[in-house]
Amino acid sequence: MKPMSRTHATPRWLAALLMLSLSGTAQAVEEPDYELLRQDGDFELRAYGATLVAENVVNGEFEEAGNRAFRALFKYIDGNNREQREIAMTAPVKQEKKDNRWRITFLMPAEYTLETLPEPNDPRVRLTEESGRLMVAVKYSGTWSEEGYEENRAPLEEYIHKRGLTKTGEPVWARYDPPFMPWFLRRNEVLIPIEKY
């Protein structure tokens, strides 16, 4: 099958996500496995296993950086790689601080290893393995705004402090839905890695 032109990446992505949303099978999109260790009101303590991700680290403001990094990552899974192979879409798209820049990641499907993932053509896209970790998470709906992120990050940080937990990294912003999903139906999360308790 002839690979699609990279200029058509966004329409294929939007069409695929629209089809999933309308068919009611959006849950078919692969997400990372985790064990729910505790639920405490709106907060969840989760144990994640190791995962493979494609990452792009960029400069910029909170909202703008995510949009800029997203394009290169989507082109990679749409065939901008040495094998011109399309890779299945997954969720969520994650964003976190790294050395005063923004690290945006796409989860790679579980069927792959670092050895079997096609090599990116774009040097900005790196493939890496993330170790398993404990995360405290809070879910929320709403627009993809810094304001919404901060409104949920702050109580999550407070919860961690009150429980006497120790953070081991920066907060992670996770977005699960396509941009045309109504804001009140969108699933967003803030997650913070912690030490064993």
N, C-alpha and C. Protein backbone atom coordinates (compact mmCIF):
# COMPACT_ATOMS: atom_id res chain seq x y z
N MET A 1 0.85 -1.20 0.00
CA MET A 1 0.00 0.00 0.00
C MET A 1 0.88 1.24 0.00
N LYS A 2 0.60 2.16 -0.91
CA LYS A 2 1.39 3.37 -1.02
C LYS A 2 1.17 4.26 0.18
N PRO A 3 2.28 4.74 0.83
CA PRO A 3 2.10 5.60 2.00
C PRO A 3 1.44 6.91 1.62
N MET A 4 0.63 7.43 2.50
CA MET A 4 -0.05 8.70 2.25
C MET A 4 0.94 9.83 2.29
N SER A 5 0.68 10.84 1.51
CA SER A 5 1.52 12.03 1.54
C SER A 5 1.44 12.66 2.92
N ARG A 6 2.57 13.15 3.39
CA ARG A 6 2.58 13.73 4.74
C ARG A 6 1.76 15.01 4.80
N THR A 7 1.47 15.61 3.65
CA THR A 7 0.64 16.81 3.66
C THR A 7 -0.81 16.48 4.03
N HIS A 8 -1.17 15.17 3.98
CA HIS A 8 -2.53 14.77 4.32
C HIS A 8 -2.62 14.17 5.71
N ALA A 9 -1.60 14.41 6.54
CA ALA A 9 -1.56 13.78 7.87
C ALA A 9 -2.73 14.20 8.75
N THR A 10 -2.97 15.49 8.84
CA THR A 10 -4.01 15.95 9.75
C THR A 10 -5.40 15.47 9.34
N PRO A 11 -5.77 15.53 8.02
CA PRO A 11 -7.09 15.02 7.67
C PRO A 11 -7.27 13.54 8.01
N ARG A 12 -6.25 12.69 7.78
CA ARG A 12 -6.38 11.27 8.13
C ARG A 12 -6.59 11.12 9.62
N TRP A 13 -5.83 11.88 10.41
CA TRP A 13 -5.94 11.82 11.86
C TRP A 13 -7.33 12.25 12.31
N LEU A 14 -7.81 13.37 11.76
CA LEU A 14 -9.13 13.85 12.16
C LEU A 14 -10.22 12.88 11.73
N ALA A 15 -10.10 12.34 10.52
CA ALA A 15 -11.11 11.42 10.03
C ALA A 15 -11.15 10.15 10.88
N ALA A 16 -9.98 9.64 11.23
CA ALA A 16 -9.94 8.42 12.03
C ALA A 16 -10.54 8.64 13.41
N LEU A 17 -10.20 9.76 14.05
CA LEU A 17 -10.73 10.04 15.37
C LEU A 17 -12.23 10.32 15.33
N LEU A 18 -12.67 10.99 14.27
CA LEU A 18 -14.11 11.25 14.14
C LEU A 18 -14.86 9.93 13.99
N MET A 19 -14.31 9.03 13.18
CA MET A 19 -14.95 7.73 12.99
C MET A 19 -15.04 6.98 14.32
N LEU A 20 -13.95 7.01 15.10
CA LEU A 20 -13.96 6.33 16.39
C LEU A 20 -15.00 6.94 17.32
N SER A 21 -15.06 8.26 17.33
CA SER A 21 -15.99 8.95 18.22
C SER A 21 -17.44 8.65 17.85
N LEU A 22 -17.75 8.70 16.54
CA LEU A 22 -19.12 8.50 16.10
C LEU A 22 -19.56 7.05 16.23
N SER A 23 -18.62 6.13 16.10
CA SER A 23 -18.98 4.72 16.18
C SER A 23 -19.10 4.22 17.60
N GLY A 24 -18.69 5.06 18.57
CA GLY A 24 -18.76 4.66 19.96
C GLY A 24 -17.67 3.69 20.35
N THR A 25 -16.60 3.60 19.54
CA THR A 25 -15.52 2.66 19.83
C THR A 25 -14.23 3.39 20.18
N ALA A 26 -14.34 4.58 20.69
CA ALA A 26 -13.15 5.34 21.03
C ALA A 26 -12.27 4.58 22.04
N GLN A 27 -12.90 3.71 22.85
CA GLN A 27 -12.14 2.95 23.82
C GLN A 27 -11.18 1.97 23.16
N ALA A 28 -11.35 1.72 21.82
CA ALA A 28 -10.46 0.82 21.09
C ALA A 28 -9.06 1.42 20.95
N VAL A 29 -8.91 2.72 21.14
CA VAL A 29 -7.59 3.34 21.08
C VAL A 29 -6.79 2.87 22.30
N GLU A 30 -5.58 2.37 22.04
CA GLU A 30 -4.78 1.81 23.13
C GLU A 30 -4.34 2.88 24.12
N GLU A 31 -4.42 2.54 25.40
CA GLU A 31 -3.96 3.40 26.49
C GLU A 31 -2.98 2.61 27.34
N PRO A 32 -2.15 3.28 28.12
CA PRO A 32 -1.20 2.54 28.96
C PRO A 32 -1.91 1.78 30.07
N ASP A 33 -1.44 0.58 30.35
CA ASP A 33 -2.00 -0.22 31.44
C ASP A 33 -1.49 0.32 32.78
N TYR A 34 -2.34 0.27 33.78
CA TYR A 34 -1.91 0.60 35.14
C TYR A 34 -2.78 -0.15 36.13
N GLU A 35 -2.25 -0.27 37.34
CA GLU A 35 -3.01 -0.88 38.45
C GLU A 35 -3.49 0.24 39.36
N LEU A 36 -4.78 0.28 39.61
CA LEU A 36 -5.34 1.28 40.52
C LEU A 36 -5.11 0.78 41.95
N LEU A 37 -4.25 1.48 42.68
CA LEU A 37 -3.90 1.06 44.04
C LEU A 37 -4.82 1.68 45.08
N ARG A 38 -5.30 2.90 44.81
CA ARG A 38 -6.17 3.57 45.79
C ARG A 38 -6.97 4.66 45.08
N GLN A 39 -8.22 4.80 45.47
CA GLN A 39 -9.04 5.92 45.03
C GLN A 39 -9.45 6.69 46.27
N ASP A 40 -9.19 7.98 46.25
CA ASP A 40 -9.47 8.83 47.40
C ASP A 40 -10.18 10.08 46.89
N GLY A 41 -11.51 10.01 46.80
CA GLY A 41 -12.25 11.12 46.22
C GLY A 41 -11.93 11.23 44.74
N ASP A 42 -11.50 12.42 44.34
CA ASP A 42 -11.14 12.67 42.93
C ASP A 42 -9.75 12.16 42.57
N PHE A 43 -8.99 11.72 43.55
CA PHE A 43 -7.58 11.37 43.32
C PHE A 43 -7.38 9.86 43.26
N GLU A 44 -6.49 9.44 42.35
CA GLU A 44 -6.18 8.04 42.19
C GLU A 44 -4.68 7.81 42.30
N LEU A 45 -4.31 6.74 42.96
CA LEU A 45 -2.92 6.31 43.02
C LEU A 45 -2.78 5.13 42.07
N ARG A 46 -1.91 5.27 41.07
CA ARG A 46 -1.77 4.27 40.03
C ARG A 46 -0.33 3.78 39.93
N ALA A 47 -0.18 2.51 39.59
CA ALA A 47 1.14 1.92 39.31
C ALA A 47 1.20 1.60 37.82
N TYR A 48 2.07 2.31 37.11
CA TYR A 48 2.26 2.11 35.68
C TYR A 48 3.47 1.22 35.43
N GLY A 49 3.38 0.38 34.40
CA GLY A 49 4.51 -0.39 33.95
C GLY A 49 5.35 0.43 32.97
N ALA A 50 6.45 -0.15 32.52
CA ALA A 50 7.30 0.51 31.54
C ALA A 50 6.56 0.66 30.21
N THR A 51 6.80 1.76 29.51
CA THR A 51 6.17 2.01 28.21
C THR A 51 7.20 2.58 27.25
N LEU A 52 6.92 2.43 25.96
CA LEU A 52 7.73 3.06 24.91
C LEU A 52 6.99 4.29 24.43
N VAL A 53 7.73 5.38 24.22
CA VAL A 53 7.13 6.61 23.73
C VAL A 53 7.98 7.22 22.63
N ALA A 54 7.33 8.00 21.79
CA ALA A 54 8.01 8.90 20.87
C ALA A 54 7.91 10.28 21.51
N GLU A 55 9.03 10.98 21.61
CA GLU A 55 9.02 12.28 22.29
C GLU A 55 9.57 13.38 21.39
N ASN A 56 9.12 14.59 21.67
CA ASN A 56 9.62 15.79 21.01
C ASN A 56 9.71 16.85 22.10
N VAL A 57 10.90 17.42 22.28
CA VAL A 57 11.12 18.43 23.33
C VAL A 57 11.27 19.78 22.65
N VAL A 58 10.43 20.75 23.06
CA VAL A 58 10.38 22.04 22.39
C VAL A 58 10.38 23.19 23.41
N ASN A 59 10.71 24.37 22.92
CA ASN A 59 10.56 25.60 23.70
C ASN A 59 9.18 26.18 23.44
N GLY A 60 8.78 27.13 24.26
CA GLY A 60 7.53 27.82 24.00
C GLY A 60 6.64 27.90 25.22
N GLU A 61 5.53 28.59 25.04
CA GLU A 61 4.54 28.72 26.09
C GLU A 61 3.75 27.41 26.22
N PHE A 62 3.09 27.25 27.33
CA PHE A 62 2.42 26.00 27.68
C PHE A 62 1.55 25.44 26.54
N GLU A 63 0.59 26.21 26.07
CA GLU A 63 -0.35 25.71 25.07
C GLU A 63 0.28 25.62 23.69
N GLU A 64 1.06 26.63 23.32
CA GLU A 64 1.67 26.67 22.00
C GLU A 64 2.68 25.54 21.80
N ALA A 65 3.43 25.20 22.86
CA ALA A 65 4.46 24.16 22.76
C ALA A 65 3.85 22.81 22.43
N GLY A 66 2.73 22.49 23.06
CA GLY A 66 2.09 21.22 22.79
C GLY A 66 1.65 21.09 21.34
N ASN A 67 1.09 22.16 20.80
CA ASN A 67 0.65 22.13 19.40
C ASN A 67 1.83 21.97 18.45
N ARG A 68 2.91 22.66 18.71
CA ARG A 68 4.07 22.60 17.83
C ARG A 68 4.70 21.21 17.84
N ALA A 69 4.88 20.64 19.02
CA ALA A 69 5.51 19.33 19.13
C ALA A 69 4.62 18.23 18.56
N PHE A 70 3.32 18.40 18.66
CA PHE A 70 2.37 17.40 18.21
C PHE A 70 2.56 17.09 16.72
N ARG A 71 2.78 18.11 15.91
CA ARG A 71 2.85 17.92 14.45
C ARG A 71 3.92 16.92 14.06
N ALA A 72 5.12 17.10 14.60
CA ALA A 72 6.23 16.20 14.25
C ALA A 72 5.96 14.78 14.72
N LEU A 73 5.36 14.63 15.90
CA LEU A 73 5.05 13.31 16.42
C LEU A 73 3.97 12.63 15.58
N PHE A 74 2.95 13.39 15.19
CA PHE A 74 1.91 12.78 14.37
C PHE A 74 2.45 12.37 13.01
N LYS A 75 3.30 13.18 12.42
CA LYS A 75 3.88 12.82 11.12
C LYS A 75 4.68 11.53 11.24
N TYR A 76 5.36 11.34 12.38
CA TYR A 76 6.10 10.10 12.58
C TYR A 76 5.18 8.89 12.52
N ILE A 77 4.06 8.90 13.26
CA ILE A 77 3.18 7.73 13.25
C ILE A 77 2.39 7.62 11.95
N ASP A 78 2.35 8.71 11.17
CA ASP A 78 1.64 8.70 9.89
C ASP A 78 2.54 8.24 8.74
N GLY A 79 3.79 7.86 9.05
CA GLY A 79 4.66 7.31 8.02
C GLY A 79 5.93 8.06 7.75
N ASN A 80 6.19 9.15 8.48
CA ASN A 80 7.45 9.88 8.29
C ASN A 80 8.55 9.17 9.09
N ASN A 81 8.88 7.96 8.63
CA ASN A 81 9.90 7.15 9.26
C ASN A 81 10.59 6.33 8.17
N ARG A 82 11.71 5.69 8.51
CA ARG A 82 12.53 5.01 7.51
C ARG A 82 11.77 3.92 6.76
N GLU A 83 10.80 3.30 7.40
CA GLU A 83 10.04 2.22 6.76
C GLU A 83 8.74 2.72 6.13
N GLN A 84 8.47 4.01 6.25
CA GLN A 84 7.22 4.60 5.76
C GLN A 84 6.01 3.80 6.28
N ARG A 85 6.08 3.41 7.54
CA ARG A 85 5.06 2.58 8.16
C ARG A 85 4.15 3.43 9.03
N GLU A 86 2.85 3.22 8.91
CA GLU A 86 1.91 3.89 9.80
C GLU A 86 1.83 3.12 11.11
N ILE A 87 1.75 3.85 12.21
CA ILE A 87 1.67 3.28 13.55
C ILE A 87 0.32 3.68 14.14
N ALA A 88 -0.34 2.74 14.79
CA ALA A 88 -1.68 3.01 15.33
C ALA A 88 -1.67 4.17 16.33
N MET A 89 -2.75 4.94 16.31
CA MET A 89 -2.91 6.02 17.28
C MET A 89 -3.17 5.45 18.66
N THR A 90 -2.69 6.15 19.67
CA THR A 90 -2.89 5.77 21.06
C THR A 90 -3.32 7.01 21.85
N ALA A 91 -3.57 6.83 23.11
CA ALA A 91 -3.89 7.96 23.99
C ALA A 91 -3.27 7.66 25.36
N PRO A 92 -2.92 8.69 26.10
CA PRO A 92 -3.08 10.11 25.82
C PRO A 92 -1.82 10.70 25.17
N VAL A 93 -1.95 11.96 24.77
CA VAL A 93 -0.78 12.79 24.46
C VAL A 93 -0.38 13.43 25.79
N LYS A 94 0.90 13.29 26.15
CA LYS A 94 1.36 13.81 27.44
C LYS A 94 2.33 14.98 27.25
N GLN A 95 2.33 15.87 28.23
CA GLN A 95 3.19 17.05 28.21
C GLN A 95 3.73 17.30 29.61
N GLU A 96 5.04 17.52 29.70
CA GLU A 96 5.66 17.80 30.99
C GLU A 96 6.91 18.64 30.80
N LYS A 97 7.34 19.30 31.87
CA LYS A 97 8.55 20.12 31.84
C LYS A 97 9.79 19.23 31.85
N LYS A 98 10.80 19.62 31.05
CA LYS A 98 12.08 18.92 31.04
C LYS A 98 13.17 19.95 30.75
N ASP A 99 13.99 20.24 31.77
CA ASP A 99 15.09 21.21 31.61
C ASP A 99 14.59 22.54 31.05
N ASN A 100 13.51 23.06 31.63
CA ASN A 100 12.91 24.34 31.23
C ASN A 100 12.38 24.36 29.81
N ARG A 101 12.14 23.20 29.25
CA ARG A 101 11.48 23.08 27.96
C ARG A 101 10.27 22.15 28.16
N TRP A 102 9.51 21.93 27.10
CA TRP A 102 8.33 21.06 27.19
C TRP A 102 8.60 19.76 26.45
N ARG A 103 8.36 18.65 27.13
CA ARG A 103 8.49 17.31 26.55
C ARG A 103 7.09 16.78 26.26
N ILE A 104 6.82 16.54 24.98
CA ILE A 104 5.52 16.01 24.57
C ILE A 104 5.75 14.59 24.07
N THR A 105 4.89 13.64 24.49
CA THR A 105 5.08 12.25 24.12
C THR A 105 3.81 11.60 23.56
N PHE A 106 4.02 10.68 22.63
CA PHE A 106 2.99 9.76 22.15
C PHE A 106 3.37 8.38 22.67
N LEU A 107 2.42 7.68 23.26
CA LEU A 107 2.61 6.29 23.65
C LEU A 107 2.73 5.44 22.40
N MET A 108 3.68 4.51 22.37
CA MET A 108 3.80 3.57 21.27
C MET A 108 3.01 2.30 21.59
N PRO A 109 2.35 1.70 20.58
CA PRO A 109 1.57 0.48 20.85
C PRO A 109 2.41 -0.62 21.50
N ALA A 110 1.77 -1.41 22.36
CA ALA A 110 2.48 -2.42 23.15
C ALA A 110 3.12 -3.51 22.30
N GLU A 111 2.69 -3.66 21.05
CA GLU A 111 3.26 -4.70 20.18
C GLU A 111 4.71 -4.42 19.79
N TYR A 112 5.16 -3.18 19.98
CA TYR A 112 6.50 -2.79 19.55
C TYR A 112 7.53 -2.90 20.66
N THR A 113 8.80 -3.01 20.25
CA THR A 113 9.97 -2.84 21.12
C THR A 113 10.79 -1.71 20.52
N LEU A 114 11.81 -1.26 21.24
CA LEU A 114 12.68 -0.22 20.67
C LEU A 114 13.33 -0.70 19.38
N GLU A 115 13.58 -2.01 19.29
CA GLU A 115 14.23 -2.57 18.11
C GLU A 115 13.29 -2.67 16.91
N THR A 116 11.99 -2.83 17.17
CA THR A 116 11.05 -3.02 16.05
C THR A 116 10.33 -1.74 15.63
N LEU A 117 10.42 -0.68 16.43
CA LEU A 117 9.82 0.59 16.01
C LEU A 117 10.60 1.18 14.83
N PRO A 118 9.91 1.70 13.82
CA PRO A 118 10.64 2.30 12.70
C PRO A 118 11.37 3.57 13.14
N GLU A 119 12.53 3.79 12.56
CA GLU A 119 13.34 4.95 12.94
C GLU A 119 12.75 6.23 12.37
N PRO A 120 12.61 7.27 13.19
CA PRO A 120 12.05 8.54 12.70
C PRO A 120 12.95 9.19 11.65
N ASN A 121 12.34 9.84 10.66
CA ASN A 121 13.10 10.65 9.71
C ASN A 121 13.44 12.01 10.29
N ASP A 122 12.58 12.49 11.17
CA ASP A 122 12.73 13.82 11.77
C ASP A 122 13.61 13.69 13.02
N PRO A 123 14.76 14.37 13.05
CA PRO A 123 15.65 14.24 14.21
C PRO A 123 15.06 14.79 15.51
N ARG A 124 13.99 15.56 15.43
CA ARG A 124 13.36 16.08 16.64
C ARG A 124 12.57 15.00 17.38
N VAL A 125 12.24 13.92 16.69
CA VAL A 125 11.47 12.82 17.28
C VAL A 125 12.43 11.76 17.79
N ARG A 126 12.35 11.45 19.07
CA ARG A 126 13.19 10.42 19.69
C ARG A 126 12.31 9.33 20.26
N LEU A 127 12.82 8.09 20.16
CA LEU A 127 12.12 6.94 20.73
C LEU A 127 12.83 6.56 22.02
N THR A 128 12.05 6.35 23.08
CA THR A 128 12.66 6.05 24.37
C THR A 128 11.73 5.18 25.22
N GLU A 129 12.32 4.51 26.19
CA GLU A 129 11.52 3.70 27.11
C GLU A 129 11.39 4.44 28.43
N GLU A 130 10.17 4.54 28.92
CA GLU A 130 9.92 5.13 30.23
C GLU A 130 9.76 4.01 31.25
N SER A 131 10.47 4.12 32.35
CA SER A 131 10.38 3.11 33.40
C SER A 131 9.01 3.15 34.05
N GLY A 132 8.61 2.05 34.66
CA GLY A 132 7.37 2.04 35.43
C GLY A 132 7.47 2.99 36.60
N ARG A 133 6.35 3.55 37.02
CA ARG A 133 6.37 4.49 38.14
C ARG A 133 5.01 4.60 38.79
N LEU A 134 5.02 5.07 40.02
CA LEU A 134 3.79 5.38 40.74
C LEU A 134 3.37 6.80 40.41
N MET A 135 2.08 6.98 40.15
CA MET A 135 1.56 8.31 39.81
C MET A 135 0.29 8.57 40.60
N VAL A 136 0.15 9.79 41.07
CA VAL A 136 -1.12 10.25 41.63
C VAL A 136 -1.79 11.06 40.53
N ALA A 137 -3.07 10.78 40.26
CA ALA A 137 -3.76 11.38 39.13
C ALA A 137 -5.08 12.00 39.53
N VAL A 138 -5.49 13.01 38.76
CA VAL A 138 -6.82 13.58 38.88
C VAL A 138 -7.36 13.76 37.47
N LYS A 139 -8.62 13.36 37.25
CA LYS A 139 -9.27 13.50 35.95
C LYS A 139 -10.12 14.77 35.96
N TYR A 140 -10.25 15.38 34.77
CA TYR A 140 -11.16 16.51 34.64
C TYR A 140 -11.56 16.67 33.18
N SER A 141 -12.69 17.31 32.96
CA SER A 141 -13.12 17.64 31.60
C SER A 141 -12.88 19.13 31.39
N GLY A 142 -12.92 19.53 30.13
CA GLY A 142 -12.74 20.95 29.85
C GLY A 142 -11.79 21.19 28.70
N THR A 143 -11.61 22.46 28.39
CA THR A 143 -10.74 22.85 27.28
C THR A 143 -9.28 22.57 27.61
N TRP A 144 -8.45 22.57 26.55
CA TRP A 144 -7.01 22.35 26.71
C TRP A 144 -6.33 23.69 26.99
N SER A 145 -6.50 24.16 28.19
CA SER A 145 -5.95 25.47 28.54
C SER A 145 -5.01 25.33 29.73
N GLU A 146 -4.10 26.27 29.83
CA GLU A 146 -3.21 26.29 30.98
C GLU A 146 -4.00 26.54 32.26
N GLU A 147 -5.05 27.34 32.14
CA GLU A 147 -5.89 27.63 33.32
C GLU A 147 -6.52 26.35 33.87
N GLY A 148 -7.09 25.52 32.98
CA GLY A 148 -7.69 24.27 33.42
C GLY A 148 -6.66 23.33 34.03
N TYR A 149 -5.49 23.29 33.42
CA TYR A 149 -4.40 22.46 33.96
C TYR A 149 -4.04 22.91 35.37
N GLU A 150 -3.84 24.21 35.55
CA GLU A 150 -3.42 24.74 36.85
C GLU A 150 -4.51 24.55 37.91
N GLU A 151 -5.77 24.68 37.51
CA GLU A 151 -6.88 24.51 38.46
C GLU A 151 -6.94 23.09 39.00
N ASN A 152 -6.40 22.15 38.28
CA ASN A 152 -6.40 20.75 38.73
C ASN A 152 -5.06 20.32 39.30
N ARG A 153 -3.99 20.93 38.83
CA ARG A 153 -2.66 20.61 39.37
C ARG A 153 -2.54 21.05 40.82
N ALA A 154 -3.02 22.24 41.14
CA ALA A 154 -2.86 22.79 42.49
C ALA A 154 -3.48 21.88 43.57
N PRO A 155 -4.75 21.44 43.44
CA PRO A 155 -5.29 20.55 44.47
C PRO A 155 -4.61 19.19 44.50
N LEU A 156 -4.09 18.74 43.36
CA LEU A 156 -3.36 17.48 43.33
C LEU A 156 -2.06 17.60 44.13
N GLU A 157 -1.37 18.71 43.95
CA GLU A 157 -0.14 18.96 44.72
C GLU A 157 -0.46 19.03 46.22
N GLU A 158 -1.57 19.69 46.55
CA GLU A 158 -1.98 19.82 47.95
C GLU A 158 -2.30 18.45 48.55
N TYR A 159 -2.99 17.61 47.76
CA TYR A 159 -3.31 16.26 48.22
C TYR A 159 -2.03 15.47 48.51
N ILE A 160 -1.06 15.56 47.63
CA ILE A 160 0.22 14.85 47.82
C ILE A 160 0.90 15.32 49.09
N HIS A 161 0.88 16.62 49.31
CA HIS A 161 1.50 17.19 50.52
C HIS A 161 0.79 16.69 51.79
N LYS A 162 -0.55 16.74 51.77
CA LYS A 162 -1.32 16.32 52.95
C LYS A 162 -1.14 14.84 53.26
N ARG A 163 -0.97 14.03 52.25
CA ARG A 163 -0.79 12.59 52.46
C ARG A 163 0.65 12.24 52.83
N GLY A 164 1.54 13.23 52.83
CA GLY A 164 2.94 12.97 53.17
C GLY A 164 3.70 12.21 52.11
N LEU A 165 3.26 12.34 50.85
CA LEU A 165 3.92 11.66 49.74
C LEU A 165 5.05 12.53 49.19
N THR A 166 6.02 11.91 48.54
CA THR A 166 7.19 12.63 48.01
C THR A 166 7.18 12.57 46.49
N LYS A 167 7.18 13.72 45.84
CA LYS A 167 7.21 13.78 44.38
C LYS A 167 8.59 13.37 43.87
N THR A 168 8.59 12.73 42.70
CA THR A 168 9.86 12.34 42.08
C THR A 168 10.05 12.97 40.71
N GLY A 169 9.14 13.84 40.32
CA GLY A 169 9.26 14.47 39.01
C GLY A 169 8.21 15.55 38.81
N GLU A 170 8.20 16.10 37.61
CA GLU A 170 7.29 17.19 37.26
C GLU A 170 5.88 16.66 36.97
N PRO A 171 4.87 17.53 37.15
CA PRO A 171 3.51 17.13 36.78
C PRO A 171 3.42 16.82 35.28
N VAL A 172 2.55 15.90 34.95
CA VAL A 172 2.32 15.49 33.56
C VAL A 172 0.88 15.84 33.20
N TRP A 173 0.71 16.49 32.06
CA TRP A 173 -0.62 16.83 31.55
C TRP A 173 -0.98 15.83 30.47
N ALA A 174 -2.11 15.15 30.60
CA ALA A 174 -2.50 14.11 29.65
C ALA A 174 -3.83 14.47 29.00
N ARG A 175 -3.86 14.38 27.66
CA ARG A 175 -5.06 14.68 26.88
C ARG A 175 -5.45 13.44 26.08
N TYR A 176 -6.71 13.02 26.20
CA TYR A 176 -7.16 11.76 25.61
C TYR A 176 -8.00 11.91 24.36
N ASP A 177 -8.57 13.06 24.10
CA ASP A 177 -9.58 13.18 23.05
C ASP A 177 -9.14 14.07 21.90
N PRO A 178 -9.80 13.91 20.72
CA PRO A 178 -9.49 14.76 19.57
C PRO A 178 -10.00 16.18 19.78
N PRO A 179 -9.46 17.14 19.00
CA PRO A 179 -9.82 18.55 19.22
C PRO A 179 -11.27 18.88 18.94
N PHE A 180 -11.96 18.09 18.11
CA PHE A 180 -13.36 18.39 17.81
C PHE A 180 -14.32 17.85 18.87
N MET A 181 -13.80 17.10 19.84
CA MET A 181 -14.65 16.61 20.94
C MET A 181 -15.13 17.82 21.75
N PRO A 182 -16.43 17.92 22.03
CA PRO A 182 -16.91 19.06 22.85
C PRO A 182 -16.14 19.14 24.16
N TRP A 183 -15.82 20.34 24.59
CA TRP A 183 -14.95 20.53 25.75
C TRP A 183 -15.47 19.82 26.99
N PHE A 184 -16.81 19.78 27.14
CA PHE A 184 -17.37 19.19 28.36
C PHE A 184 -17.32 17.66 28.34
N LEU A 185 -16.98 17.06 27.19
CA LEU A 185 -16.83 15.61 27.10
C LEU A 185 -15.37 15.16 27.10
N ARG A 186 -14.46 16.11 27.03
CA ARG A 186 -13.04 15.75 26.94
C ARG A 186 -12.53 15.16 28.26
N ARG A 187 -11.69 14.16 28.14
CA ARG A 187 -11.04 13.56 29.30
C ARG A 187 -9.60 14.07 29.35
N ASN A 188 -9.30 14.77 30.41
CA ASN A 188 -7.96 15.29 30.66
C ASN A 188 -7.51 14.79 32.03
N GLU A 189 -6.22 14.74 32.24
CA GLU A 189 -5.68 14.34 33.54
C GLU A 189 -4.43 15.13 33.85
N VAL A 190 -4.18 15.30 35.14
CA VAL A 190 -2.87 15.73 35.62
C VAL A 190 -2.35 14.58 36.48
N LEU A 191 -1.10 14.19 36.24
CA LEU A 191 -0.48 13.10 36.99
C LEU A 191 0.85 13.58 37.55
N ILE A 192 1.17 13.14 38.75
CA ILE A 192 2.44 13.51 39.37
C ILE A 192 3.11 12.23 39.89
N PRO A 193 4.36 12.00 39.47
CA PRO A 193 5.07 10.79 39.94
C PRO A 193 5.49 10.94 41.41
N ILE A 194 5.40 9.84 42.15
CA ILE A 194 5.77 9.86 43.58
C ILE A 194 6.65 8.66 43.91
N GLU A 195 7.32 8.77 45.07
CA GLU A 195 8.09 7.65 45.60
C GLU A 195 7.14 6.61 46.16
N LYS A 196 7.65 5.41 46.37
CA LYS A 196 6.85 4.38 47.04
C LYS A 196 6.47 4.88 48.42
N TYR A 197 5.28 4.58 48.86
CA TYR A 197 4.77 5.10 50.13
C TYR A 197 4.69 4.00 51.18
